[in-house]
PDB file of N, CA and C in Angstrom:
ATOM      1  N   MET A   1       9.316  -0.611   7.664  1.00  0.00           N
ATOM      2  CA  MET A   1       8.639   0.392   6.875  1.00  0.00           C
ATOM      3  C   MET A   1       8.328   1.602   7.770  1.00  0.00           C
ATOM      4  N   GLU A   2       8.639   2.772   7.252  1.00  0.00           N
ATOM      5  CA  GLU A   2       8.434   3.990   8.020  1.00  0.00           C
ATOM      6  C   GLU A   2       7.576   4.990   7.254  1.00  0.00           C
ATOM      7  N   ILE A   3       6.871   5.835   7.979  1.00  0.00           N
ATOM      8  CA  ILE A   3       6.078   6.899   7.357  1.00  0.00           C
ATOM      9  C   ILE A   3       7.019   7.790   6.564  1.00  0.00           C
ATOM     10  N   GLY A   4       6.613   8.133   5.339  1.00  0.00           N
ATOM     11  CA  GLY A   4       7.424   8.949   4.451  1.00  0.00           C
ATOM     12  C   GLY A   4       8.301   8.155   3.507  1.00  0.00           C
ATOM     13  N   GLN A   5       8.406   6.848   3.725  1.00  0.00           N
ATOM     14  CA  GLN A   5       9.242   5.990   2.884  1.00  0.00           C
ATOM     15  C   GLN A   5       8.554   5.711   1.555  1.00  0.00           C
ATOM     16  N   LYS A   6       9.333   5.697   0.457  1.00  0.00           N
ATOM     17  CA  LYS A   6       8.785   5.362  -0.860  1.00  0.00           C
ATOM     18  C   LYS A   6       8.735   3.846  -0.989  1.00  0.00           C
ATOM     19  N   VAL A   7       7.608   3.346  -1.506  1.00  0.00           N
ATOM     20  CA  VAL A   7       7.417   1.911  -1.686  1.00  0.00           C
ATOM     21  C   VAL A   7       6.794   1.621  -3.046  1.00  0.00           C
ATOM     22  N   LYS A   8       6.943   0.381  -3.476  1.00  0.00           N
ATOM     23  CA  LYS A   8       6.357  -0.088  -4.733  1.00  0.00           C
ATOM     24  C   LYS A   8       5.407  -1.228  -4.414  1.00  0.00           C
ATOM     25  N   VAL A   9       4.237  -1.241  -5.040  1.00  0.00           N
ATOM     26  CA  VAL A   9       3.268  -2.318  -4.853  1.00  0.00           C
ATOM     27  C   VAL A   9       3.729  -3.485  -5.716  1.00  0.00           C
ATOM     28  N   VAL A  10       4.027  -4.622  -5.064  1.00  0.00           N
ATOM     29  CA  VAL A  10       4.593  -5.766  -5.791  1.00  0.00           C
ATOM     30  C   VAL A  10       3.628  -6.939  -5.918  1.00  0.00           C
ATOM     31  N   ARG A  11       2.578  -6.982  -5.105  1.00  0.00           N
ATOM     32  CA  ARG A  11       1.586  -8.053  -5.215  1.00  0.00           C
ATOM     33  C   ARG A  11       0.312  -7.610  -4.519  1.00  0.00           C
ATOM     34  N   LEU A  12      -0.762  -8.317  -4.805  1.00  0.00           N
ATOM     35  CA  LEU A  12      -2.049  -8.072  -4.149  1.00  0.00           C
ATOM     36  C   LEU A  12      -2.554  -9.403  -3.617  1.00  0.00           C
ATOM     37  N   ARG A  13      -2.887  -9.457  -2.344  1.00  0.00           N
ATOM     38  CA  ARG A  13      -3.337 -10.707  -1.706  1.00  0.00           C
ATOM     39  C   ARG A  13      -4.743 -11.105  -2.120  1.00  0.00           C
ATOM     40  N   ASP A  14      -5.626 -10.143  -2.186  1.00  0.00           N
ATOM     41  CA  ASP A  14      -7.045 -10.415  -2.382  1.00  0.00           C
ATOM     42  C   ASP A  14      -7.561  -9.786  -3.666  1.00  0.00           C
ATOM     43  N   ARG A  15      -8.796 -10.118  -3.988  1.00  0.00           N
ATOM     44  CA  ARG A  15      -9.467  -9.439  -5.090  1.00  0.00           C
ATOM     45  C   ARG A  15      -9.690  -7.992  -4.676  1.00  0.00           C
ATOM     46  N   VAL A  16      -9.425  -7.091  -5.586  1.00  0.00           N
ATOM     47  CA  VAL A  16      -9.563  -5.669  -5.287  1.00  0.00           C
ATOM     48  C   VAL A  16     -10.241  -4.970  -6.453  1.00  0.00           C
ATOM     49  N   SER A  17     -10.628  -3.732  -6.229  1.00  0.00           N
ATOM     50  CA  SER A  17     -11.265  -2.949  -7.290  1.00  0.00           C
ATOM     51  C   SER A  17     -10.238  -2.635  -8.383  1.00  0.00           C
ATOM     52  N   GLY A  18     -10.740  -2.215  -9.515  1.00  0.00           N
ATOM     53  CA  GLY A  18      -9.873  -1.858 -10.630  1.00  0.00           C
ATOM     54  C   GLY A  18      -8.937  -0.716 -10.294  1.00  0.00           C
ATOM     55  N   ALA A  19      -9.410   0.231  -9.493  1.00  0.00           N
ATOM     56  CA  ALA A  19      -8.576   1.375  -9.106  1.00  0.00           C
ATOM     57  C   ALA A  19      -7.359   0.913  -8.314  1.00  0.00           C
ATOM     58  N   ILE A  20      -7.565  -0.041  -7.414  1.00  0.00           N
ATOM     59  CA  ILE A  20      -6.458  -0.544  -6.600  1.00  0.00           C
ATOM     60  C   ILE A  20      -5.574  -1.479  -7.433  1.00  0.00           C
ATOM     61  N   ALA A  21      -6.168  -2.331  -8.250  1.00  0.00           N
ATOM     62  CA  ALA A  21      -5.395  -3.243  -9.102  1.00  0.00           C
ATOM     63  C   ALA A  21      -4.484  -2.455 -10.041  1.00  0.00           C
ATOM     64  N   GLY A  22      -4.912  -1.270 -10.449  1.00  0.00           N
ATOM     65  CA  GLY A  22      -4.100  -0.425 -11.321  1.00  0.00           C
ATOM     66  C   GLY A  22      -2.846   0.108 -10.652  1.00  0.00           C
ATOM     67  N   LYS A  23      -2.750  -0.019  -9.351  1.00  0.00           N
ATOM     68  CA  LYS A  23      -1.578   0.469  -8.616  1.00  0.00           C
ATOM     69  C   LYS A  23      -0.474  -0.587  -8.520  1.00  0.00           C
ATOM     70  N   LEU A  24      -0.738  -1.801  -8.982  1.00  0.00           N
ATOM     71  CA  LEU A  24       0.273  -2.855  -8.990  1.00  0.00           C
ATOM     72  C   LEU A  24       1.453  -2.398  -9.843  1.00  0.00           C
ATOM     73  N   GLY A  25       2.640  -2.422  -9.273  1.00  0.00           N
ATOM     74  CA  GLY A  25       3.835  -1.975  -9.986  1.00  0.00           C
ATOM     75  C   GLY A  25       4.113  -0.491  -9.838  1.00  0.00           C
ATOM     76  N   LYS A  26       3.214   0.269  -9.229  1.00  0.00           N
ATOM     77  CA  LYS A  26       3.384   1.717  -9.053  1.00  0.00           C
ATOM     78  C   LYS A  26       4.069   2.017  -7.722  1.00  0.00           C
ATOM     79  N   THR A  27       4.646   3.190  -7.632  1.00  0.00           N
ATOM     80  CA  THR A  27       5.292   3.610  -6.393  1.00  0.00           C
ATOM     81  C   THR A  27       4.488   4.716  -5.724  1.00  0.00           C
ATOM     82  N   GLY A  28       4.583   4.747  -4.401  1.00  0.00           N
ATOM     83  CA  GLY A  28       3.915   5.756  -3.612  1.00  0.00           C
ATOM     84  C   GLY A  28       4.673   5.951  -2.310  1.00  0.00           C
ATOM     85  N   MET A  29       4.100   6.742  -1.411  1.00  0.00           N
ATOM     86  CA  MET A  29       4.753   7.045  -0.146  1.00  0.00           C
ATOM     87  C   MET A  29       3.870   6.593   1.009  1.00  0.00           C
ATOM     88  N   ILE A  30       4.477   5.991   2.024  1.00  0.00           N
ATOM     89  CA  ILE A  30       3.727   5.558   3.199  1.00  0.00           C
ATOM     90  C   ILE A  30       3.241   6.784   3.948  1.00  0.00           C
ATOM     91  N   GLU A  31       1.930   6.845   4.154  1.00  0.00           N
ATOM     92  CA  GLU A  31       1.289   7.987   4.793  1.00  0.00           C
ATOM     93  C   GLU A  31       0.984   7.718   6.271  1.00  0.00           C
ATOM     94  N   SER A  32       0.604   6.469   6.581  1.00  0.00           N
ATOM     95  CA  SER A  32       0.272   6.115   7.965  1.00  0.00           C
ATOM     96  C   SER A  32       0.190   4.597   8.078  1.00  0.00           C
ATOM     97  N   TYR A  33      -0.107   4.144   9.292  1.00  0.00           N
ATOM     98  CA  TYR A  33      -0.297   2.716   9.552  1.00  0.00           C
ATOM     99  C   TYR A  33      -1.775   2.434   9.768  1.00  0.00           C
ATOM    100  N   LYS A  34      -2.170   1.177   9.592  1.00  0.00           N
ATOM    101  CA  LYS A  34      -3.560   0.776   9.787  1.00  0.00           C
ATOM    102  C   LYS A  34      -3.569  -0.577  10.489  1.00  0.00           C
ATOM    103  N   VAL A  35      -4.370  -0.680  11.551  1.00  0.00           N
ATOM    104  CA  VAL A  35      -4.548  -1.964  12.220  1.00  0.00           C
ATOM    105  C   VAL A  35      -5.667  -2.698  11.486  1.00  0.00           C
ATOM    106  N   THR A  36      -5.387  -3.916  11.038  1.00  0.00           N
ATOM    107  CA  THR A  36      -6.378  -4.690  10.291  1.00  0.00           C
ATOM    108  C   THR A  36      -7.255  -5.488  11.249  1.00  0.00           C
ATOM    109  N   ASP A  37      -8.358  -6.011  10.752  1.00  0.00           N
ATOM    110  CA  ASP A  37      -9.288  -6.785  11.572  1.00  0.00           C
ATOM    111  C   ASP A  37      -8.630  -7.975  12.245  1.00  0.00           C
ATOM    112  N   GLY A  38      -7.690  -8.591  11.559  1.00  0.00           N
ATOM    113  CA  GLY A  38      -7.020  -9.768  12.108  1.00  0.00           C
ATOM    114  C   GLY A  38      -5.941  -9.430  13.113  1.00  0.00           C
ATOM    115  N   GLY A  39      -5.797  -8.153  13.447  1.00  0.00           N
ATOM    116  CA  GLY A  39      -4.787  -7.747  14.405  1.00  0.00           C
ATOM    117  C   GLY A  39      -3.437  -7.467  13.768  1.00  0.00           C
ATOM    118  N   GLY A  40      -3.358  -7.578  12.446  1.00  0.00           N
ATOM    119  CA  GLY A  40      -2.112  -7.280  11.748  1.00  0.00           C
ATOM    120  C   GLY A  40      -1.957  -5.790  11.525  1.00  0.00           C
ATOM    121  N   ILE A  41      -0.838  -5.427  10.963  1.00  0.00           N
ATOM    122  CA  ILE A  41      -0.568  -4.028  10.670  1.00  0.00           C
ATOM    123  C   ILE A  41      -0.458  -3.864   9.157  1.00  0.00           C
ATOM    124  N   GLY A  42      -1.158  -2.878   8.637  1.00  0.00           N
ATOM    125  CA  GLY A  42      -1.058  -2.525   7.238  1.00  0.00           C
ATOM    126  C   GLY A  42      -0.509  -1.122   7.134  1.00  0.00           C
ATOM    127  N   VAL A  43      -0.217  -0.686   5.915  1.00  0.00           N
ATOM    128  CA  VAL A  43       0.264   0.674   5.707  1.00  0.00           C
ATOM    129  C   VAL A  43      -0.604   1.369   4.673  1.00  0.00           C
ATOM    130  N   VAL A  44      -0.876   2.642   4.902  1.00  0.00           N
ATOM    131  CA  VAL A  44      -1.626   3.456   3.952  1.00  0.00           C
ATOM    132  C   VAL A  44      -0.611   4.102   3.026  1.00  0.00           C
ATOM    133  N   VAL A  45      -0.775   3.872   1.724  1.00  0.00           N
ATOM    134  CA  VAL A  45       0.155   4.400   0.725  1.00  0.00           C
ATOM    135  C   VAL A  45      -0.572   5.449  -0.106  1.00  0.00           C
ATOM    136  N   LYS A  46       0.066   6.602  -0.271  1.00  0.00           N
ATOM    137  CA  LYS A  46      -0.486   7.681  -1.102  1.00  0.00           C
ATOM    138  C   LYS A  46       0.351   7.764  -2.373  1.00  0.00           C
ATOM    139  N   PHE A  47      -0.344   7.797  -3.515  1.00  0.00           N
ATOM    140  CA  PHE A  47       0.313   7.833  -4.816  1.00  0.00           C
ATOM    141  C   PHE A  47       0.345   9.258  -5.367  1.00  0.00           C
ATOM    142  N   ASP A  48       1.110   9.466  -6.438  1.00  0.00           N
ATOM    143  CA  ASP A  48       1.272  10.804  -7.025  1.00  0.00           C
ATOM    144  C   ASP A  48      -0.036  11.443  -7.460  1.00  0.00           C
ATOM    145  N   ASP A  49      -1.038  10.618  -7.799  1.00  0.00           N
ATOM    146  CA  ASP A  49      -2.332  11.153  -8.231  1.00  0.00           C
ATOM    147  C   ASP A  49      -3.258  11.446  -7.045  1.00  0.00           C
ATOM    148  N   ASN A  50      -2.707  11.471  -5.824  1.00  0.00           N
ATOM    149  CA  ASN A  50      -3.418  11.723  -4.561  1.00  0.00           C
ATOM    150  C   ASN A  50      -4.380  10.614  -4.155  1.00  0.00           C
ATOM    151  N   PHE A  51      -4.362   9.478  -4.842  1.00  0.00           N
ATOM    152  CA  PHE A  51      -5.147   8.306  -4.456  1.00  0.00           C
ATOM    153  C   PHE A  51      -4.395   7.621  -3.325  1.00  0.00           C
ATOM    154  N   SER A  52      -5.105   7.239  -2.274  1.00  0.00           N
ATOM    155  CA  SER A  52      -4.450   6.499  -1.198  1.00  0.00           C
ATOM    156  C   SER A  52      -5.316   5.327  -0.784  1.00  0.00           C
ATOM    157  N   THR A  53      -4.659   4.246  -0.403  1.00  0.00           N
ATOM    158  CA  THR A  53      -5.316   3.040   0.073  1.00  0.00           C
ATOM    159  C   THR A  53      -4.300   2.269   0.911  1.00  0.00           C
ATOM    160  N   TRP A  54      -4.771   1.237   1.603  1.00  0.00           N
ATOM    161  CA  TRP A  54      -3.845   0.500   2.474  1.00  0.00           C
ATOM    162  C   TRP A  54      -3.485  -0.846   1.871  1.00  0.00           C
ATOM    163  N   PHE A  55      -2.300  -1.317   2.264  1.00  0.00           N
ATOM    164  CA  PHE A  55      -1.767  -2.594   1.811  1.00  0.00           C
ATOM    165  C   PHE A  55      -1.162  -3.325   3.000  1.00  0.00           C
ATOM    166  N   PHE A  56      -1.111  -4.657   2.909  1.00  0.00           N
ATOM    167  CA  PHE A  56      -0.351  -5.440   3.872  1.00  0.00           C
ATOM    168  C   PHE A  56       1.129  -5.214   3.592  1.00  0.00           C
ATOM    169  N   GLU A  57       1.969  -5.379   4.596  1.00  0.00           N
ATOM    170  CA  GLU A  57       3.401  -5.131   4.407  1.00  0.00           C
ATOM    171  C   GLU A  57       4.041  -6.064   3.388  1.00  0.00           C
ATOM    172  N   ASP A  58       3.501  -7.272   3.202  1.00  0.00           N
ATOM    173  CA  ASP A  58       4.095  -8.182   2.213  1.00  0.00           C
ATOM    174  C   ASP A  58       3.639  -7.867   0.789  1.00  0.00           C
ATOM    175  N   GLU A  59       2.793  -6.874   0.607  1.00  0.00           N
ATOM    176  CA  GLU A  59       2.336  -6.480  -0.718  1.00  0.00           C
ATOM    177  C   GLU A  59       3.153  -5.330  -1.291  1.00  0.00           C
ATOM    178  N   ILE A  60       4.031  -4.752  -0.467  1.00  0.00           N
ATOM    179  CA  ILE A  60       4.835  -3.619  -0.915  1.00  0.00           C
ATOM    180  C   ILE A  60       6.306  -3.888  -0.640  1.00  0.00           C
ATOM    181  N   LYS A  61       7.157  -3.125  -1.352  1.00  0.00           N
ATOM    182  CA  LYS A  61       8.597  -3.272  -1.188  1.00  0.00           C
ATOM    183  C   LYS A  61       9.211  -1.870  -1.203  1.00  0.00           C
ATOM    184  N   ALA A  62      10.186  -1.637  -0.344  1.00  0.00           N
ATOM    185  CA  ALA A  62      10.866  -0.339  -0.299  1.00  0.00           C
ATOM    186  C   ALA A  62      11.615  -0.090  -1.605  1.00  0.00           C
ATOM    187  N   VAL A  63      11.603   1.164  -2.054  1.00  0.00           N
ATOM    188  CA  VAL A  63      12.365   1.535  -3.263  1.00  0.00           C
ATOM    189  C   VAL A  63      13.490   2.474  -2.917  1.00  0.00           C
TER     190      VAL A  63
END
C-alpha cells in the first residue's frame, strides 16, 4: 500500500462509530501511515467527503 493509492474498505476489525461504519464498502485515498499501539502499521484514508480516519491494512483493499 502506498500513499496516494485508491483503496476500498472491505471489513472492520473492531466496534467503531457510526461515521466510520458508514465507510464500509466506500473508496478513498491513502493519505499517510500510522503506527498503532501494538507496533503495527495502519493507513490513514481520506474519503471524497474530506472525512479521514485510519484502518489496519487487512481492513482495506486496493482498487
